[in-house]
Amino acid sequence: METALLLENETYEIIGVCMAVHRELGHGFLEIVYKDAIQFELASKNITFGREVKYDITYKNTLLSHKFYADFTVNNRIILEVKAAEGGIADHQVAQAINYLRVSG
């Protein structure tokens, strides 16, 4: 049984962008290089995005001094975190992304 994706069209569009970057650059670069290439692809496809979007973090109704910066927001609805990791994404990176989603609302 297939599971439906939330924001399916946008999700596939983002995957296409990332695959285009991977086809061109391959693996082995630092994250910042992939982020620059993703920004280029998003802009060239006229996809609305923000880069290094700041989110406040509150704790017990107190605004903390440190912020969370999402690598990208796409269409003001999707957070895209870029990871350049050999061997796959680690559990702590998944947990971090989940926390980012919670903080961003």
PDB file of N, CA and C in Angstrom:
ATOM      1  N   MET A   1       0.837  -1.184   0.000  1.00  0.00           N
ATOM      2  CA  MET A   1       0.000   0.000   0.000  1.00  0.00           C
ATOM      3  C   MET A   1       0.880   1.245   0.000  1.00  0.00           C
ATOM      4  N   GLU A   2       0.660   2.141  -0.941  1.00  0.00           N
ATOM      5  CA  GLU A   2       1.426   3.372  -1.023  1.00  0.00           C
ATOM      6  C   GLU A   2       0.916   4.390  -0.014  1.00  0.00           C
ATOM      7  N   THR A   3       1.849   5.129   0.544  1.00  0.00           N
ATOM      8  CA  THR A   3       1.511   6.199   1.471  1.00  0.00           C
ATOM      9  C   THR A   3       1.526   7.512   0.705  1.00  0.00           C
ATOM     10  N   ALA A   4       0.488   8.285   0.833  1.00  0.00           N
ATOM     11  CA  ALA A   4       0.419   9.588   0.165  1.00  0.00           C
ATOM     12  C   ALA A   4       1.361  10.568   0.859  1.00  0.00           C
ATOM     13  N   LEU A   5       2.036  11.367   0.085  1.00  0.00           N
ATOM     14  CA  LEU A   5       2.915  12.393   0.626  1.00  0.00           C
ATOM     15  C   LEU A   5       2.126  13.668   0.872  1.00  0.00           C
ATOM     16  N   LEU A   6       2.451  14.330   1.945  1.00  0.00           N
ATOM     17  CA  LEU A   6       1.925  15.661   2.182  1.00  0.00           C
ATOM     18  C   LEU A   6       2.584  16.595   1.165  1.00  0.00           C
ATOM     19  N   LEU A   7       1.842  17.486   0.587  1.00  0.00           N
ATOM     20  CA  LEU A   7       2.397  18.427  -0.389  1.00  0.00           C
ATOM     21  C   LEU A   7       3.166  17.682  -1.480  1.00  0.00           C
ATOM     22  N   GLU A   8       2.504  16.703  -2.063  1.00  0.00           N
ATOM     23  CA  GLU A   8       3.142  15.768  -2.993  1.00  0.00           C
ATOM     24  C   GLU A   8       3.817  16.460  -4.173  1.00  0.00           C
ATOM     25  N   ASN A   9       3.146  17.369  -4.832  1.00  0.00           N
ATOM     26  CA  ASN A   9       3.741  18.036  -5.999  1.00  0.00           C
ATOM     27  C   ASN A   9       4.994  18.811  -5.623  1.00  0.00           C
ATOM     28  N   GLU A  10       4.911  19.569  -4.532  1.00  0.00           N
ATOM     29  CA  GLU A  10       6.065  20.334  -4.069  1.00  0.00           C
ATOM     30  C   GLU A  10       7.208  19.410  -3.671  1.00  0.00           C
ATOM     31  N   THR A  11       6.876  18.304  -3.015  1.00  0.00           N
ATOM     32  CA  THR A  11       7.892  17.345  -2.587  1.00  0.00           C
ATOM     33  C   THR A  11       8.640  16.786  -3.789  1.00  0.00           C
ATOM     34  N   TYR A  12       7.914  16.375  -4.820  1.00  0.00           N
ATOM     35  CA  TYR A  12       8.563  15.837  -6.013  1.00  0.00           C
ATOM     36  C   TYR A  12       9.392  16.894  -6.734  1.00  0.00           C
ATOM     37  N   GLU A  13       8.922  18.126  -6.700  1.00  0.00           N
ATOM     38  CA  GLU A  13       9.668  19.215  -7.327  1.00  0.00           C
ATOM     39  C   GLU A  13      11.009  19.422  -6.605  1.00  0.00           C
ATOM     40  N   ILE A  14      10.985  19.386  -5.286  1.00  0.00           N
ATOM     41  CA  ILE A  14      12.205  19.550  -4.490  1.00  0.00           C
ATOM     42  C   ILE A  14      13.143  18.363  -4.713  1.00  0.00           C
ATOM     43  N   ILE A  15      12.597  17.162  -4.752  1.00  0.00           N
ATOM     44  CA  ILE A  15      13.424  15.982  -5.012  1.00  0.00           C
ATOM     45  C   ILE A  15      14.092  16.120  -6.379  1.00  0.00           C
ATOM     46  N   GLY A  16      13.352  16.602  -7.364  1.00  0.00           N
ATOM     47  CA  GLY A  16      13.920  16.823  -8.693  1.00  0.00           C
ATOM     48  C   GLY A  16      15.077  17.803  -8.669  1.00  0.00           C
ATOM     49  N   VAL A  17      14.931  18.883  -7.907  1.00  0.00           N
ATOM     50  CA  VAL A  17      16.003  19.865  -7.753  1.00  0.00           C
ATOM     51  C   VAL A  17      17.237  19.196  -7.149  1.00  0.00           C
ATOM     52  N   CYS A  18      17.032  18.458  -6.095  1.00  0.00           N
ATOM     53  CA  CYS A  18      18.160  17.806  -5.410  1.00  0.00           C
ATOM     54  C   CYS A  18      18.828  16.760  -6.298  1.00  0.00           C
ATOM     55  N   MET A  19      18.036  16.032  -7.059  1.00  0.00           N
ATOM     56  CA  MET A  19      18.599  15.031  -7.970  1.00  0.00           C
ATOM     57  C   MET A  19      19.400  15.708  -9.087  1.00  0.00           C
ATOM     58  N   ALA A  20      18.928  16.847  -9.589  1.00  0.00           N
ATOM     59  CA  ALA A  20      19.669  17.593 -10.613  1.00  0.00           C
ATOM     60  C   ALA A  20      21.030  18.026 -10.071  1.00  0.00           C
ATOM     61  N   VAL A  21      21.044  18.507  -8.843  1.00  0.00           N
ATOM     62  CA  VAL A  21      22.299  18.921  -8.209  1.00  0.00           C
ATOM     63  C   VAL A  21      23.219  17.708  -8.057  1.00  0.00           C
ATOM     64  N   HIS A  22      22.671  16.605  -7.604  1.00  0.00           N
ATOM     65  CA  HIS A  22      23.495  15.412  -7.403  1.00  0.00           C
ATOM     66  C   HIS A  22      24.047  14.891  -8.732  1.00  0.00           C
ATOM     67  N   ARG A  23      23.241  14.912  -9.771  1.00  0.00           N
ATOM     68  CA  ARG A  23      23.724  14.459 -11.084  1.00  0.00           C
ATOM     69  C   ARG A  23      24.894  15.320 -11.567  1.00  0.00           C
ATOM     70  N   GLU A  24      24.820  16.598 -11.300  1.00  0.00           N
ATOM     71  CA  GLU A  24      25.856  17.517 -11.779  1.00  0.00           C
ATOM     72  C   GLU A  24      27.115  17.481 -10.904  1.00  0.00           C
ATOM     73  N   LEU A  25      26.936  17.473  -9.593  1.00  0.00           N
ATOM     74  CA  LEU A  25      28.078  17.590  -8.682  1.00  0.00           C
ATOM     75  C   LEU A  25      28.569  16.251  -8.133  1.00  0.00           C
ATOM     76  N   GLY A  26      27.677  15.252  -8.089  1.00  0.00           N
ATOM     77  CA  GLY A  26      28.067  13.991  -7.460  1.00  0.00           C
ATOM     78  C   GLY A  26      28.205  14.162  -5.957  1.00  0.00           C
ATOM     79  N   HIS A  27      29.034  13.315  -5.343  1.00  0.00           N
ATOM     80  CA  HIS A  27      29.200  13.404  -3.887  1.00  0.00           C
ATOM     81  C   HIS A  27      30.616  13.870  -3.555  1.00  0.00           C
ATOM     82  N   GLY A  28      30.799  14.290  -2.311  1.00  0.00           N
ATOM     83  CA  GLY A  28      32.120  14.656  -1.834  1.00  0.00           C
ATOM     84  C   GLY A  28      32.345  16.122  -1.538  1.00  0.00           C
ATOM     85  N   PHE A  29      31.385  16.976  -1.886  1.00  0.00           N
ATOM     86  CA  PHE A  29      31.535  18.397  -1.575  1.00  0.00           C
ATOM     87  C   PHE A  29      31.003  18.704  -0.178  1.00  0.00           C
ATOM     88  N   LEU A  30      31.360  19.854   0.338  1.00  0.00           N
ATOM     89  CA  LEU A  30      30.805  20.336   1.594  1.00  0.00           C
ATOM     90  C   LEU A  30      29.352  20.745   1.369  1.00  0.00           C
ATOM     91  N   GLU A  31      28.591  20.759   2.465  1.00  0.00           N
ATOM     92  CA  GLU A  31      27.175  21.130   2.383  1.00  0.00           C
ATOM     93  C   GLU A  31      26.967  22.485   1.716  1.00  0.00           C
ATOM     94  N   ILE A  32      27.827  23.437   1.992  1.00  0.00           N
ATOM     95  CA  ILE A  32      27.642  24.790   1.472  1.00  0.00           C
ATOM     96  C   ILE A  32      27.629  24.805  -0.053  1.00  0.00           C
ATOM     97  N   VAL A  33      28.408  23.942  -0.687  1.00  0.00           N
ATOM     98  CA  VAL A  33      28.435  23.867  -2.151  1.00  0.00           C
ATOM     99  C   VAL A  33      27.093  23.358  -2.664  1.00  0.00           C
ATOM    100  N   TYR A  34      26.566  22.321  -2.011  1.00  0.00           N
ATOM    101  CA  TYR A  34      25.262  21.796  -2.412  1.00  0.00           C
ATOM    102  C   TYR A  34      24.159  22.830  -2.181  1.00  0.00           C
ATOM    103  N   LYS A  35      24.253  23.577  -1.101  1.00  0.00           N
ATOM    104  CA  LYS A  35      23.256  24.619  -0.830  1.00  0.00           C
ATOM    105  C   LYS A  35      23.281  25.693  -1.914  1.00  0.00           C
ATOM    106  N   ASP A  36      24.481  26.092  -2.329  1.00  0.00           N
ATOM    107  CA  ASP A  36      24.578  27.089  -3.396  1.00  0.00           C
ATOM    108  C   ASP A  36      23.959  26.560  -4.690  1.00  0.00           C
ATOM    109  N   ALA A  37      24.215  25.291  -5.000  1.00  0.00           N
ATOM    110  CA  ALA A  37      23.664  24.696  -6.220  1.00  0.00           C
ATOM    111  C   ALA A  37      22.145  24.552  -6.125  1.00  0.00           C
ATOM    112  N   ILE A  38      21.647  24.165  -4.959  1.00  0.00           N
ATOM    113  CA  ILE A  38      20.194  24.060  -4.765  1.00  0.00           C
ATOM    114  C   ILE A  38      19.552  25.427  -4.909  1.00  0.00           C
ATOM    115  N   GLN A  39      20.172  26.451  -4.352  1.00  0.00           N
ATOM    116  CA  GLN A  39      19.646  27.811  -4.502  1.00  0.00           C
ATOM    117  C   GLN A  39      19.576  28.181  -5.980  1.00  0.00           C
ATOM    118  N   PHE A  40      20.623  27.873  -6.737  1.00  0.00           N
ATOM    119  CA  PHE A  40      20.627  28.153  -8.172  1.00  0.00           C
ATOM    120  C   PHE A  40      19.463  27.449  -8.867  1.00  0.00           C
ATOM    121  N   GLU A  41      19.261  26.156  -8.570  1.00  0.00           N
ATOM    122  CA  GLU A  41      18.198  25.372  -9.203  1.00  0.00           C
ATOM    123  C   GLU A  41      16.815  25.896  -8.835  1.00  0.00           C
ATOM    124  N   LEU A  42      16.603  26.199  -7.549  1.00  0.00           N
ATOM    125  CA  LEU A  42      15.305  26.721  -7.120  1.00  0.00           C
ATOM    126  C   LEU A  42      14.994  28.034  -7.841  1.00  0.00           C
ATOM    127  N   ALA A  43      15.985  28.919  -7.895  1.00  0.00           N
ATOM    128  CA  ALA A  43      15.788  30.214  -8.551  1.00  0.00           C
ATOM    129  C   ALA A  43      15.532  30.030 -10.045  1.00  0.00           C
ATOM    130  N   SER A  44      16.254  29.114 -10.677  1.00  0.00           N
ATOM    131  CA  SER A  44      16.095  28.933 -12.119  1.00  0.00           C
ATOM    132  C   SER A  44      14.736  28.344 -12.473  1.00  0.00           C
ATOM    133  N   LYS A  45      14.106  27.667 -11.518  1.00  0.00           N
ATOM    134  CA  LYS A  45      12.780  27.094 -11.735  1.00  0.00           C
ATOM    135  C   LYS A  45      11.671  27.991 -11.194  1.00  0.00           C
ATOM    136  N   ASN A  46      12.046  29.208 -10.766  1.00  0.00           N
ATOM    137  CA  ASN A  46      11.088  30.172 -10.211  1.00  0.00           C
ATOM    138  C   ASN A  46      10.287  29.598  -9.050  1.00  0.00           C
ATOM    139  N   ILE A  47      10.950  28.809  -8.224  1.00  0.00           N
ATOM    140  CA  ILE A  47      10.330  28.257  -7.020  1.00  0.00           C
ATOM    141  C   ILE A  47      10.589  29.243  -5.880  1.00  0.00           C
ATOM    142  N   THR A  48       9.544  29.604  -5.167  1.00  0.00           N
ATOM    143  CA  THR A  48       9.681  30.525  -4.048  1.00  0.00           C
ATOM    144  C   THR A  48      10.434  29.844  -2.917  1.00  0.00           C
ATOM    145  N   PHE A  49      11.491  30.503  -2.436  1.00  0.00           N
ATOM    146  CA  PHE A  49      12.276  29.909  -1.348  1.00  0.00           C
ATOM    147  C   PHE A  49      12.940  31.001  -0.528  1.00  0.00           C
ATOM    148  N   GLY A  50      13.327  30.615   0.672  1.00  0.00           N
ATOM    149  CA  GLY A  50      14.157  31.444   1.524  1.00  0.00           C
ATOM    150  C   GLY A  50      15.356  30.612   1.939  1.00  0.00           C
ATOM    151  N   ARG A  51      16.483  31.259   2.156  1.00  0.00           N
ATOM    152  CA  ARG A  51      17.683  30.539   2.579  1.00  0.00           C
ATOM    153  C   ARG A  51      18.120  31.070   3.932  1.00  0.00           C
ATOM    154  N   GLU A  52      18.529  30.147   4.798  1.00  0.00           N
ATOM    155  CA  GLU A  52      18.945  30.489   6.166  1.00  0.00           C
ATOM    156  C   GLU A  52      17.862  31.304   6.870  1.00  0.00           C
ATOM    157  N   VAL A  53      16.653  30.780   6.851  1.00  0.00           N
ATOM    158  CA  VAL A  53      15.501  31.454   7.456  1.00  0.00           C
ATOM    159  C   VAL A  53      15.558  31.258   8.965  1.00  0.00           C
ATOM    160  N   LYS A  54      15.465  32.364   9.693  1.00  0.00           N
ATOM    161  CA  LYS A  54      15.616  32.341  11.148  1.00  0.00           C
ATOM    162  C   LYS A  54      14.296  32.031  11.847  1.00  0.00           C
ATOM    163  N   TYR A  55      14.361  31.142  12.827  1.00  0.00           N
ATOM    164  CA  TYR A  55      13.223  30.820  13.684  1.00  0.00           C
ATOM    165  C   TYR A  55      13.636  31.008  15.136  1.00  0.00           C
ATOM    166  N   ASP A  56      12.761  31.657  15.900  1.00  0.00           N
ATOM    167  CA  ASP A  56      12.993  31.815  17.328  1.00  0.00           C
ATOM    168  C   ASP A  56      12.648  30.527  18.057  1.00  0.00           C
ATOM    169  N   ILE A  57      13.315  30.328  19.177  1.00  0.00           N
ATOM    170  CA  ILE A  57      13.038  29.176  20.029  1.00  0.00           C
ATOM    171  C   ILE A  57      12.636  29.700  21.398  1.00  0.00           C
ATOM    172  N   THR A  58      11.497  29.237  21.874  1.00  0.00           N
ATOM    173  CA  THR A  58      11.053  29.626  23.209  1.00  0.00           C
ATOM    174  C   THR A  58      11.110  28.430  24.141  1.00  0.00           C
ATOM    175  N   TYR A  59      11.388  28.740  25.389  1.00  0.00           N
ATOM    176  CA  TYR A  59      11.436  27.736  26.444  1.00  0.00           C
ATOM    177  C   TYR A  59      10.675  28.286  27.640  1.00  0.00           C
ATOM    178  N   LYS A  60       9.611  27.606  28.028  1.00  0.00           N
ATOM    179  CA  LYS A  60       8.777  28.057  29.144  1.00  0.00           C
ATOM    180  C   LYS A  60       8.401  29.526  28.975  1.00  0.00           C
ATOM    181  N   ASN A  61       7.898  29.836  27.780  1.00  0.00           N
ATOM    182  CA  ASN A  61       7.439  31.179  27.425  1.00  0.00           C
ATOM    183  C   ASN A  61       8.546  32.234  27.443  1.00  0.00           C
ATOM    184  N   THR A  62       9.806  31.791  27.367  1.00  0.00           N
ATOM    185  CA  THR A  62      10.937  32.707  27.323  1.00  0.00           C
ATOM    186  C   THR A  62      11.674  32.520  26.006  1.00  0.00           C
ATOM    187  N   LEU A  63      11.905  33.617  25.315  1.00  0.00           N
ATOM    188  CA  LEU A  63      12.632  33.572  24.058  1.00  0.00           C
ATOM    189  C   LEU A  63      14.110  33.320  24.345  1.00  0.00           C
ATOM    190  N   LEU A  64      14.645  32.249  23.782  1.00  0.00           N
ATOM    191  CA  LEU A  64      16.055  31.919  23.994  1.00  0.00           C
ATOM    192  C   LEU A  64      16.939  32.755  23.074  1.00  0.00           C
ATOM    193  N   SER A  65      18.185  32.942  23.474  1.00  0.00           N
ATOM    194  CA  SER A  65      19.083  33.791  22.693  1.00  0.00           C
ATOM    195  C   SER A  65      19.533  33.124  21.394  1.00  0.00           C
ATOM    196  N   HIS A  66      19.619  31.801  21.376  1.00  0.00           N
ATOM    197  CA  HIS A  66      20.023  31.118  20.152  1.00  0.00           C
ATOM    198  C   HIS A  66      18.805  30.845  19.276  1.00  0.00           C
ATOM    199  N   LYS A  67      19.028  30.874  17.984  1.00  0.00           N
ATOM    200  CA  LYS A  67      17.954  30.703  17.005  1.00  0.00           C
ATOM    201  C   LYS A  67      18.221  29.434  16.202  1.00  0.00           C
ATOM    202  N   PHE A  68      17.210  29.023  15.465  1.00  0.00           N
ATOM    203  CA  PHE A  68      17.343  27.940  14.497  1.00  0.00           C
ATOM    204  C   PHE A  68      17.298  28.568  13.124  1.00  0.00           C
ATOM    205  N   TYR A  69      18.195  28.175  12.259  1.00  0.00           N
ATOM    206  CA  TYR A  69      18.234  28.682  10.890  1.00  0.00           C
ATOM    207  C   TYR A  69      17.999  27.510   9.943  1.00  0.00           C
ATOM    208  N   ALA A  70      16.851  27.520   9.284  1.00  0.00           N
ATOM    209  CA  ALA A  70      16.536  26.479   8.310  1.00  0.00           C
ATOM    210  C   ALA A  70      17.397  26.710   7.069  1.00  0.00           C
ATOM    211  N   ASP A  71      17.970  25.647   6.531  1.00  0.00           N
ATOM    212  CA  ASP A  71      18.766  25.791   5.309  1.00  0.00           C
ATOM    213  C   ASP A  71      17.931  26.465   4.226  1.00  0.00           C
ATOM    214  N   PHE A  72      16.732  25.923   3.985  1.00  0.00           N
ATOM    215  CA  PHE A  72      15.803  26.501   3.012  1.00  0.00           C
ATOM    216  C   PHE A  72      14.382  26.346   3.520  1.00  0.00           C
ATOM    217  N   THR A  73      13.551  27.298   3.178  1.00  0.00           N
ATOM    218  CA  THR A  73      12.108  27.085   3.216  1.00  0.00           C
ATOM    219  C   THR A  73      11.645  27.186   1.771  1.00  0.00           C
ATOM    220  N   VAL A  74      10.746  26.302   1.384  1.00  0.00           N
ATOM    221  CA  VAL A  74      10.264  26.269   0.004  1.00  0.00           C
ATOM    222  C   VAL A  74       8.760  26.528   0.019  1.00  0.00           C
ATOM    223  N   ASN A  75       8.348  27.511  -0.753  1.00  0.00           N
ATOM    224  CA  ASN A  75       6.937  27.907  -0.841  1.00  0.00           C
ATOM    225  C   ASN A  75       6.353  28.238   0.536  1.00  0.00           C
ATOM    226  N   ASN A  76       7.177  28.681   1.442  1.00  0.00           N
ATOM    227  CA  ASN A  76       6.760  29.041   2.804  1.00  0.00           C
ATOM    228  C   ASN A  76       6.034  27.904   3.521  1.00  0.00           C
ATOM    229  N   ARG A  77       6.251  26.663   3.065  1.00  0.00           N
ATOM    230  CA  ARG A  77       5.527  25.535   3.654  1.00  0.00           C
ATOM    231  C   ARG A  77       6.411  24.338   3.957  1.00  0.00           C
ATOM    232  N   ILE A  78       7.593  24.280   3.362  1.00  0.00           N
ATOM    233  CA  ILE A  78       8.453  23.112   3.496  1.00  0.00           C
ATOM    234  C   ILE A  78       9.828  23.559   3.958  1.00  0.00           C
ATOM    235  N   ILE A  79      10.358  22.871   4.949  1.00  0.00           N
ATOM    236  CA  ILE A  79      11.734  23.108   5.376  1.00  0.00           C
ATOM    237  C   ILE A  79      12.607  22.065   4.700  1.00  0.00           C
ATOM    238  N   LEU A  80      13.665  22.534   4.052  1.00  0.00           N
ATOM    239  CA  LEU A  80      14.629  21.655   3.402  1.00  0.00           C
ATOM    240  C   LEU A  80      15.957  21.800   4.120  1.00  0.00           C
ATOM    241  N   GLU A  81      16.378  20.748   4.780  1.00  0.00           N
ATOM    242  CA  GLU A  81      17.676  20.698   5.440  1.00  0.00           C
ATOM    243  C   GLU A  81      18.620  19.906   4.561  1.00  0.00           C
ATOM    244  N   VAL A  82      19.771  20.460   4.287  1.00  0.00           N
ATOM    245  CA  VAL A  82      20.750  19.826   3.403  1.00  0.00           C
ATOM    246  C   VAL A  82      21.805  19.131   4.256  1.00  0.00           C
ATOM    247  N   LYS A  83      22.064  17.871   3.932  1.00  0.00           N
ATOM    248  CA  LYS A  83      23.093  17.098   4.615  1.00  0.00           C
ATOM    249  C   LYS A  83      23.993  16.455   3.568  1.00  0.00           C
ATOM    250  N   ALA A  84      25.292  16.599   3.744  1.00  0.00           N
ATOM    251  CA  ALA A  84      26.272  15.931   2.884  1.00  0.00           C
ATOM    252  C   ALA A  84      26.922  14.861   3.749  1.00  0.00           C
ATOM    253  N   ALA A  85      26.310  13.686   3.782  1.00  0.00           N
ATOM    254  CA  ALA A  85      26.741  12.640   4.702  1.00  0.00           C
ATOM    255  C   ALA A  85      27.003  11.348   3.949  1.00  0.00           C
ATOM    256  N   GLU A  86      28.223  10.860   4.036  1.00  0.00           N
ATOM    257  CA  GLU A  86      28.532   9.543   3.481  1.00  0.00           C
ATOM    258  C   GLU A  86      27.861   8.493   4.344  1.00  0.00           C
ATOM    259  N   GLY A  87      27.225   7.539   3.722  1.00  0.00           N
ATOM    260  CA  GLY A  87      26.632   6.438   4.484  1.00  0.00           C
ATOM    261  C   GLY A  87      25.226   6.705   4.988  1.00  0.00           C
ATOM    262  N   GLY A  88      24.611   7.799   4.565  1.00  0.00           N
ATOM    263  CA  GLY A  88      23.228   8.048   4.958  1.00  0.00           C
ATOM    264  C   GLY A  88      23.091   9.051   6.082  1.00  0.00           C
ATOM    265  N   ILE A  89      21.854   9.320   6.401  1.00  0.00           N
ATOM    266  CA  ILE A  89      21.513  10.298   7.440  1.00  0.00           C
ATOM    267  C   ILE A  89      21.476   9.605   8.794  1.00  0.00           C
ATOM    268  N   ALA A  90      22.147  10.193   9.773  1.00  0.00           N
ATOM    269  CA  ALA A  90      22.205   9.628  11.115  1.00  0.00           C
ATOM    270  C   ALA A  90      20.920   9.935  11.887  1.00  0.00           C
ATOM    271  N   ASP A  91      20.626   9.105  12.877  1.00  0.00           N
ATOM    272  CA  ASP A  91      19.422   9.275  13.692  1.00  0.00           C
ATOM    273  C   ASP A  91      19.344  10.658  14.332  1.00  0.00           C
ATOM    274  N   HIS A  92      20.476  11.178  14.810  1.00  0.00           N
ATOM    275  CA  HIS A  92      20.440  12.489  15.465  1.00  0.00           C
ATOM    276  C   HIS A  92      20.098  13.598  14.470  1.00  0.00           C
ATOM    277  N   GLN A  93      20.433  13.415  13.200  1.00  0.00           N
ATOM    278  CA  GLN A  93      20.068  14.405  12.193  1.00  0.00           C
ATOM    279  C   GLN A  93      18.568  14.373  11.912  1.00  0.00           C
ATOM    280  N   VAL A  94      17.980  13.192  11.940  1.00  0.00           N
ATOM    281  CA  VAL A  94      16.530  13.062  11.783  1.00  0.00           C
ATOM    282  C   VAL A  94      15.826  13.724  12.965  1.00  0.00           C
ATOM    283  N   ALA A  95      16.312  13.458  14.173  1.00  0.00           N
ATOM    284  CA  ALA A  95      15.727  14.061  15.373  1.00  0.00           C
ATOM    285  C   ALA A  95      15.839  15.585  15.319  1.00  0.00           C
ATOM    286  N   GLN A  96      16.975  16.075  14.839  1.00  0.00           N
ATOM    287  CA  GLN A  96      17.164  17.519  14.709  1.00  0.00           C
ATOM    288  C   GLN A  96      16.138  18.103  13.746  1.00  0.00           C
ATOM    289  N   ALA A  97      15.931  17.464  12.617  1.00  0.00           N
ATOM    290  CA  ALA A  97      14.958  17.962  11.630  1.00  0.00           C
ATOM    291  C   ALA A  97      13.553  17.966  12.209  1.00  0.00           C
ATOM    292  N   ILE A  98      13.203  16.949  12.977  1.00  0.00           N
ATOM    293  CA  ILE A  98      11.879  16.902  13.605  1.00  0.00           C
ATOM    294  C   ILE A  98      11.720  18.066  14.581  1.00  0.00           C
ATOM    295  N   ASN A  99      12.753  18.348  15.341  1.00  0.00           N
ATOM    296  CA  ASN A  99      12.691  19.480  16.262  1.00  0.00           C
ATOM    297  C   ASN A  99      12.564  20.792  15.500  1.00  0.00           C
ATOM    298  N   TYR A 100      13.225  20.921  14.383  1.00  0.00           N
ATOM    299  CA  TYR A 100      13.114  22.129  13.557  1.00  0.00           C
ATOM    300  C   TYR A 100      11.682  22.313  13.072  1.00  0.00           C
ATOM    301  N   LEU A 101      11.049  21.226  12.675  1.00  0.00           N
ATOM    302  CA  LEU A 101       9.657  21.310  12.241  1.00  0.00           C
ATOM    303  C   LEU A 101       8.765  21.777  13.383  1.00  0.00           C
ATOM    304  N   ARG A 102       9.015  21.254  14.554  1.00  0.00           N
ATOM    305  CA  ARG A 102       8.203  21.640  15.711  1.00  0.00           C
ATOM    306  C   ARG A 102       8.384  23.130  16.018  1.00  0.00           C
ATOM    307  N   VAL A 103       9.627  23.586  16.017  1.00  0.00           N
ATOM    308  CA  VAL A 103       9.923  24.987  16.334  1.00  0.00           C
ATOM    309  C   VAL A 103       9.332  25.926  15.285  1.00  0.00           C
ATOM    310  N   SER A 104       9.347  25.493  14.035  1.00  0.00           N
ATOM    311  CA  SER A 104       8.867  26.362  12.952  1.00  0.00           C
ATOM    312  C   SER A 104       7.346  26.455  12.889  1.00  0.00           C
ATOM    313  N   GLY A 105       6.699  25.516  13.573  1.00  0.00           N
ATOM    314  CA  GLY A 105       5.242  25.522  13.578  1.00  0.00           C
ATOM    315  C   GLY A 105       4.681  24.961  12.289  1.00  0.00           C
TER     316      GLY A 105
END
